[in-house]
């Protein structure tokens, strides 16, 4: 588990972005993460990945509007952080906020 410290750094950045309710604060490029914009029905869907040997750290960020007809609800912003070794989960973290 040589990337546990990296997992904790990413987790702290997610907590900061959630506390300040600004997903744009989550920039992981300086840590060697790649970012992929996922095209789906959500307002925003990003996947941030870090891969080293058999260890992977991924951050899945989703922002979506839960409103239905004649409703005006706040958007939901959700971060899911996963750390896997050989495809097996060793640590994870999830948080969300509304704006």
C-alpha atoms as a PDB file:
ATOM      1  CA  UNK A   1       0.000   0.000   0.000  1.00  0.00           C
ATOM      2  CA  UNK A   2       2.599   2.488  -1.106  1.00  0.00           C
ATOM      3  CA  UNK A   3      -0.024   5.017  -2.251  1.00  0.00           C
ATOM      4  CA  UNK A   4      -1.946   5.306   1.052  1.00  0.00           C
ATOM      5  CA  UNK A   5      -0.429   8.756   1.676  1.00  0.00           C
ATOM      6  CA  UNK A   6      -1.562   9.870  -1.791  1.00  0.00           C
ATOM      7  CA  UNK A   7      -5.066   8.580  -1.003  1.00  0.00           C
ATOM      8  CA  UNK A   8      -5.124  10.716   2.165  1.00  0.00           C
ATOM      9  CA  UNK A   9      -3.947  13.825   0.267  1.00  0.00           C
ATOM     10  CA  UNK A  10      -6.705  13.359  -2.320  1.00  0.00           C
ATOM     11  CA  UNK A  11      -9.260  12.779   0.442  1.00  0.00           C
ATOM     12  CA  UNK A  12      -8.264  16.051   2.140  1.00  0.00           C
ATOM     13  CA  UNK A  13      -8.660  17.924  -1.166  1.00  0.00           C
ATOM     14  CA  UNK A  14     -12.123  16.414  -1.638  1.00  0.00           C
ATOM     15  CA  UNK A  15     -13.080  17.480   1.886  1.00  0.00           C
ATOM     16  CA  UNK A  16     -11.889  21.029   1.156  1.00  0.00           C
ATOM     17  CA  UNK A  17     -13.825  21.194  -2.134  1.00  0.00           C
ATOM     18  CA  UNK A  18     -16.961  19.875  -0.413  1.00  0.00           C
ATOM     19  CA  UNK A  19     -16.625  22.208   2.563  1.00  0.00           C
ATOM     20  CA  UNK A  20     -16.229  25.211   0.268  1.00  0.00           C
ATOM     21  CA  UNK A  21     -18.915  23.787  -2.065  1.00  0.00           C
ATOM     22  CA  UNK A  22     -16.724  24.263  -5.137  1.00  0.00           C
ATOM     23  CA  UNK A  23     -15.838  21.129  -7.113  1.00  0.00           C
ATOM     24  CA  UNK A  24     -13.420  23.147  -9.267  1.00  0.00           C
ATOM     25  CA  UNK A  25     -11.049  23.238  -6.294  1.00  0.00           C
ATOM     26  CA  UNK A  26     -10.316  19.559  -6.920  1.00  0.00           C
ATOM     27  CA  UNK A  27      -7.306  19.722  -9.220  1.00  0.00           C
ATOM     28  CA  UNK A  28      -5.246  16.543  -9.032  1.00  0.00           C
ATOM     29  CA  UNK A  29      -3.030  17.099 -12.075  1.00  0.00           C
ATOM     30  CA  UNK A  30      -0.053  18.041  -9.861  1.00  0.00           C
ATOM     31  CA  UNK A  31      -0.313  14.576  -8.259  1.00  0.00           C
ATOM     32  CA  UNK A  32      -0.104  12.712 -11.567  1.00  0.00           C
ATOM     33  CA  UNK A  33      -3.825  12.076 -12.061  1.00  0.00           C
ATOM     34  CA  UNK A  34      -5.417  12.026 -15.494  1.00  0.00           C
ATOM     35  CA  UNK A  35      -8.888  13.522 -15.936  1.00  0.00           C
ATOM     36  CA  UNK A  36     -11.607  12.236 -18.232  1.00  0.00           C
ATOM     37  CA  UNK A  37     -14.883  14.029 -18.893  1.00  0.00           C
ATOM     38  CA  UNK A  38     -17.661  11.439 -19.083  1.00  0.00           C
ATOM     39  CA  UNK A  39     -20.527  12.186 -21.457  1.00  0.00           C
ATOM     40  CA  UNK A  40     -23.818  11.128 -19.906  1.00  0.00           C
ATOM     41  CA  UNK A  41     -27.073  12.711 -18.773  1.00  0.00           C
ATOM     42  CA  UNK A  42     -25.534  14.427 -15.739  1.00  0.00           C
ATOM     43  CA  UNK A  43     -24.642  18.108 -15.700  1.00  0.00           C
ATOM     44  CA  UNK A  44     -20.997  17.231 -14.984  1.00  0.00           C
ATOM     45  CA  UNK A  45     -19.285  13.852 -14.705  1.00  0.00           C
ATOM     46  CA  UNK A  46     -15.518  13.567 -14.302  1.00  0.00           C
ATOM     47  CA  UNK A  47     -13.240  10.617 -13.628  1.00  0.00           C
ATOM     48  CA  UNK A  48      -9.786  11.289 -12.183  1.00  0.00           C
ATOM     49  CA  UNK A  49      -7.362   8.331 -12.303  1.00  0.00           C
ATOM     50  CA  UNK A  50      -3.950   7.492 -10.901  1.00  0.00           C
ATOM     51  CA  UNK A  51      -2.354   4.165 -11.800  1.00  0.00           C
ATOM     52  CA  UNK A  52       0.955   2.773 -10.579  1.00  0.00           C
ATOM     53  CA  UNK A  53       1.802  -0.884 -11.029  1.00  0.00           C
ATOM     54  CA  UNK A  54      -1.134  -2.793  -9.526  1.00  0.00           C
ATOM     55  CA  UNK A  55      -2.445   0.125  -7.435  1.00  0.00           C
ATOM     56  CA  UNK A  56      -5.206   2.470  -8.617  1.00  0.00           C
ATOM     57  CA  UNK A  57      -6.799   5.540  -7.101  1.00  0.00           C
ATOM     58  CA  UNK A  58      -9.934   6.936  -8.746  1.00  0.00           C
ATOM     59  CA  UNK A  59     -12.133   9.912  -8.005  1.00  0.00           C
ATOM     60  CA  UNK A  60     -15.552   9.852  -9.605  1.00  0.00           C
ATOM     61  CA  UNK A  61     -17.248  13.274  -9.446  1.00  0.00           C
ATOM     62  CA  UNK A  62     -20.870  13.661 -10.480  1.00  0.00           C
ATOM     63  CA  UNK A  63     -23.099  16.710 -10.457  1.00  0.00           C
ATOM     64  CA  UNK A  64     -26.748  16.258 -11.308  1.00  0.00           C
ATOM     65  CA  UNK A  65     -30.104  17.981 -10.997  1.00  0.00           C
ATOM     66  CA  UNK A  66     -32.645  15.880  -9.080  1.00  0.00           C
ATOM     67  CA  UNK A  67     -35.515  18.208 -10.007  1.00  0.00           C
ATOM     68  CA  UNK A  68     -38.539  16.840 -11.733  1.00  0.00           C
ATOM     69  CA  UNK A  69     -41.474  18.531 -13.420  1.00  0.00           C
ATOM     70  CA  UNK A  70     -42.611  21.600 -11.463  1.00  0.00           C
ATOM     71  CA  UNK A  71     -39.722  21.205  -8.990  1.00  0.00           C
ATOM     72  CA  UNK A  72     -36.700  23.372  -8.411  1.00  0.00           C
ATOM     73  CA  UNK A  73     -34.235  21.454  -6.248  1.00  0.00           C
ATOM     74  CA  UNK A  74     -30.568  22.117  -5.573  1.00  0.00           C
ATOM     75  CA  UNK A  75     -27.986  20.277  -7.666  1.00  0.00           C
ATOM     76  CA  UNK A  76     -26.293  17.312  -5.979  1.00  0.00           C
ATOM     77  CA  UNK A  77     -22.497  17.132  -6.166  1.00  0.00           C
ATOM     78  CA  UNK A  78     -21.015  13.759  -5.222  1.00  0.00           C
ATOM     79  CA  UNK A  79     -17.393  12.624  -4.846  1.00  0.00           C
ATOM     80  CA  UNK A  80     -16.475   8.929  -4.669  1.00  0.00           C
ATOM     81  CA  UNK A  81     -12.834   8.089  -3.937  1.00  0.00           C
ATOM     82  CA  UNK A  82     -11.615   4.503  -4.351  1.00  0.00           C
ATOM     83  CA  UNK A  83      -8.211   2.920  -3.732  1.00  0.00           C
ATOM     84  CA  UNK A  84      -7.685  -0.562  -5.139  1.00  0.00           C
ATOM     85  CA  UNK A  85      -4.794  -3.003  -5.258  1.00  0.00           C
ATOM     86  CA  UNK A  86      -5.010  -5.830  -7.787  1.00  0.00           C
ATOM     87  CA  UNK A  87      -8.650  -4.852  -8.328  1.00  0.00           C
ATOM     88  CA  UNK A  88      -9.565  -5.265  -4.644  1.00  0.00           C
ATOM     89  CA  UNK A  89     -10.798  -2.326  -2.574  1.00  0.00           C
ATOM     90  CA  UNK A  90      -8.452  -1.326   0.244  1.00  0.00           C
ATOM     91  CA  UNK A  91      -9.892   2.089   1.091  1.00  0.00           C
ATOM     92  CA  UNK A  92     -12.686   4.398  -0.001  1.00  0.00           C
ATOM     93  CA  UNK A  93     -14.361   7.679   0.857  1.00  0.00           C
ATOM     94  CA  UNK A  94     -17.570   9.334  -0.303  1.00  0.00           C
ATOM     95  CA  UNK A  95     -19.107  12.727   0.333  1.00  0.00           C
ATOM     96  CA  UNK A  96     -21.572  15.100  -1.283  1.00  0.00           C
ATOM     97  CA  UNK A  97     -22.996  18.581  -1.055  1.00  0.00           C
ATOM     98  CA  UNK A  98     -25.903  20.483  -2.579  1.00  0.00           C
ATOM     99  CA  UNK A  99     -25.784  23.861  -4.284  1.00  0.00           C
END
